[in-house]
Amino acid sequence: ELEALKDAGVSIVDQIVCAHARLFVGTRDSTFSYRIQEERELLGFDHSATFNVFCGQIDDNSGALCESIKWLIK
């Protein structure tokens, strides 16, 4: 299936799955995460289930959740 979809097709499938999940946790400063958050907002998902990010290593708490920048669609 990977050969049929190629890398770009797999990325599109990943984005669709993430956009429709009950909860999304992305990575900070990621274009991929930003696009999923944008799509989830358009789909009407609650912000508390959409704007969650891993920040990486913060004060030796690797993988800690941190505040996400919320680029809200108005």
C-alpha atoms as a PDB file:
ATOM      1  CA  GLU A   1       0.000   0.000   0.000  1.00  0.00           C
ATOM      2  CA  LEU A   2       2.903   2.348   0.686  1.00  0.00           C
ATOM      3  CA  GLU A   3       4.083   1.933  -2.888  1.00  0.00           C
ATOM      4  CA  ALA A   4       0.584   2.699  -4.187  1.00  0.00           C
ATOM      5  CA  LEU A   5       0.095   5.792  -2.009  1.00  0.00           C
ATOM      6  CA  LYS A   6       3.690   7.010  -1.930  1.00  0.00           C
ATOM      7  CA  ASP A   7       4.911   9.256   0.891  1.00  0.00           C
ATOM      8  CA  ALA A   8       2.575  12.133  -0.003  1.00  0.00           C
ATOM      9  CA  GLY A   9      -0.476   9.884   0.057  1.00  0.00           C
ATOM     10  CA  VAL A  10       0.509   8.441   3.433  1.00  0.00           C
ATOM     11  CA  SER A  11       0.849  12.006   4.788  1.00  0.00           C
ATOM     12  CA  ILE A  12      -2.670  12.824   3.599  1.00  0.00           C
ATOM     13  CA  VAL A  13      -4.063   9.703   5.286  1.00  0.00           C
ATOM     14  CA  ASP A  14      -2.200  10.624   8.503  1.00  0.00           C
ATOM     15  CA  GLN A  15      -3.681  14.122   8.390  1.00  0.00           C
ATOM     16  CA  ILE A  16      -7.234  12.835   7.878  1.00  0.00           C
ATOM     17  CA  VAL A  17      -6.914  10.384  10.781  1.00  0.00           C
ATOM     18  CA  CYS A  18      -5.481  13.059  13.099  1.00  0.00           C
ATOM     19  CA  ALA A  19      -8.070  15.648  12.083  1.00  0.00           C
ATOM     20  CA  HIS A  20     -10.966  13.318  12.923  1.00  0.00           C
ATOM     21  CA  ALA A  21      -9.605  11.824  16.159  1.00  0.00           C
ATOM     22  CA  ARG A  22     -11.317  12.498  19.514  1.00  0.00           C
ATOM     23  CA  LEU A  23      -8.143  14.122  20.833  1.00  0.00           C
ATOM     24  CA  PHE A  24      -5.184  15.591  18.992  1.00  0.00           C
ATOM     25  CA  VAL A  25      -1.769  16.248  20.544  1.00  0.00           C
ATOM     26  CA  GLY A  26       0.712  17.752  18.120  1.00  0.00           C
ATOM     27  CA  THR A  27       4.168  19.222  18.343  1.00  0.00           C
ATOM     28  CA  ARG A  28       5.003  22.850  18.915  1.00  0.00           C
ATOM     29  CA  ASP A  29       5.958  24.923  15.838  1.00  0.00           C
ATOM     30  CA  SER A  30       4.944  22.129  13.453  1.00  0.00           C
ATOM     31  CA  THR A  31       3.250  22.991  10.163  1.00  0.00           C
ATOM     32  CA  PHE A  32       1.669  19.522  10.155  1.00  0.00           C
ATOM     33  CA  SER A  33       0.157  20.121  13.622  1.00  0.00           C
ATOM     34  CA  TYR A  34      -0.982  23.622  12.641  1.00  0.00           C
ATOM     35  CA  ARG A  35      -2.865  22.318   9.580  1.00  0.00           C
ATOM     36  CA  ILE A  36      -4.560  19.603  11.638  1.00  0.00           C
ATOM     37  CA  GLN A  37      -5.579  22.126  14.320  1.00  0.00           C
ATOM     38  CA  GLU A  38      -6.952  24.390  11.595  1.00  0.00           C
ATOM     39  CA  GLU A  39      -8.954  21.558  10.049  1.00  0.00           C
ATOM     40  CA  ARG A  40     -10.251  20.397  13.446  1.00  0.00           C
ATOM     41  CA  GLU A  41     -11.445  23.921  14.195  1.00  0.00           C
ATOM     42  CA  LEU A  42     -13.291  24.031  10.855  1.00  0.00           C
ATOM     43  CA  LEU A  43     -14.843  20.647  11.697  1.00  0.00           C
ATOM     44  CA  GLY A  44     -16.101  22.051  15.022  1.00  0.00           C
ATOM     45  CA  PHE A  45     -13.949  20.090  17.482  1.00  0.00           C
ATOM     46  CA  ASP A  46     -13.625  21.561  20.973  1.00  0.00           C
ATOM     47  CA  HIS A  47     -10.484  23.629  21.495  1.00  0.00           C
ATOM     48  CA  SER A  48      -9.555  21.571  24.569  1.00  0.00           C
ATOM     49  CA  ALA A  49      -9.331  18.477  22.332  1.00  0.00           C
ATOM     50  CA  THR A  50      -7.508  20.292  19.535  1.00  0.00           C
ATOM     51  CA  PHE A  51      -4.864  22.722  20.812  1.00  0.00           C
ATOM     52  CA  ASN A  52      -2.608  20.340  22.769  1.00  0.00           C
ATOM     53  CA  VAL A  53       1.115  20.093  22.059  1.00  0.00           C
ATOM     54  CA  PHE A  54       4.236  18.365  23.293  1.00  0.00           C
ATOM     55  CA  CYS A  55       6.995  20.880  23.930  1.00  0.00           C
ATOM     56  CA  GLY A  56       9.864  18.463  24.253  1.00  0.00           C
ATOM     57  CA  GLN A  57      12.334  18.761  27.073  1.00  0.00           C
ATOM     58  CA  ILE A  58      11.456  21.444  29.618  1.00  0.00           C
ATOM     59  CA  ASP A  59      13.336  21.539  32.920  1.00  0.00           C
ATOM     60  CA  ASP A  60      14.159  17.816  32.651  1.00  0.00           C
ATOM     61  CA  ASN A  61      10.469  16.893  32.128  1.00  0.00           C
ATOM     62  CA  SER A  62      10.857  15.332  28.720  1.00  0.00           C
ATOM     63  CA  GLY A  63       7.594  15.185  26.820  1.00  0.00           C
ATOM     64  CA  ALA A  64       5.778  17.681  29.053  1.00  0.00           C
ATOM     65  CA  LEU A  65       2.640  19.273  27.660  1.00  0.00           C
ATOM     66  CA  CYS A  66       2.763  23.018  27.220  1.00  0.00           C
ATOM     67  CA  GLU A  67       0.520  25.833  26.075  1.00  0.00           C
ATOM     68  CA  SER A  68      -0.187  25.851  22.363  1.00  0.00           C
ATOM     69  CA  ILE A  69      -0.521  28.988  20.318  1.00  0.00           C
ATOM     70  CA  LYS A  70      -4.142  29.141  19.246  1.00  0.00           C
ATOM     71  CA  TRP A  71      -4.533  30.556  15.765  1.00  0.00           C
ATOM     72  CA  LEU A  72      -8.309  30.713  15.816  1.00  0.00           C
ATOM     73  CA  ILE A  73     -10.408  31.075  12.696  1.00  0.00           C
ATOM     74  CA  LYS A  74     -12.947  33.856  13.039  1.00  0.00           C
END
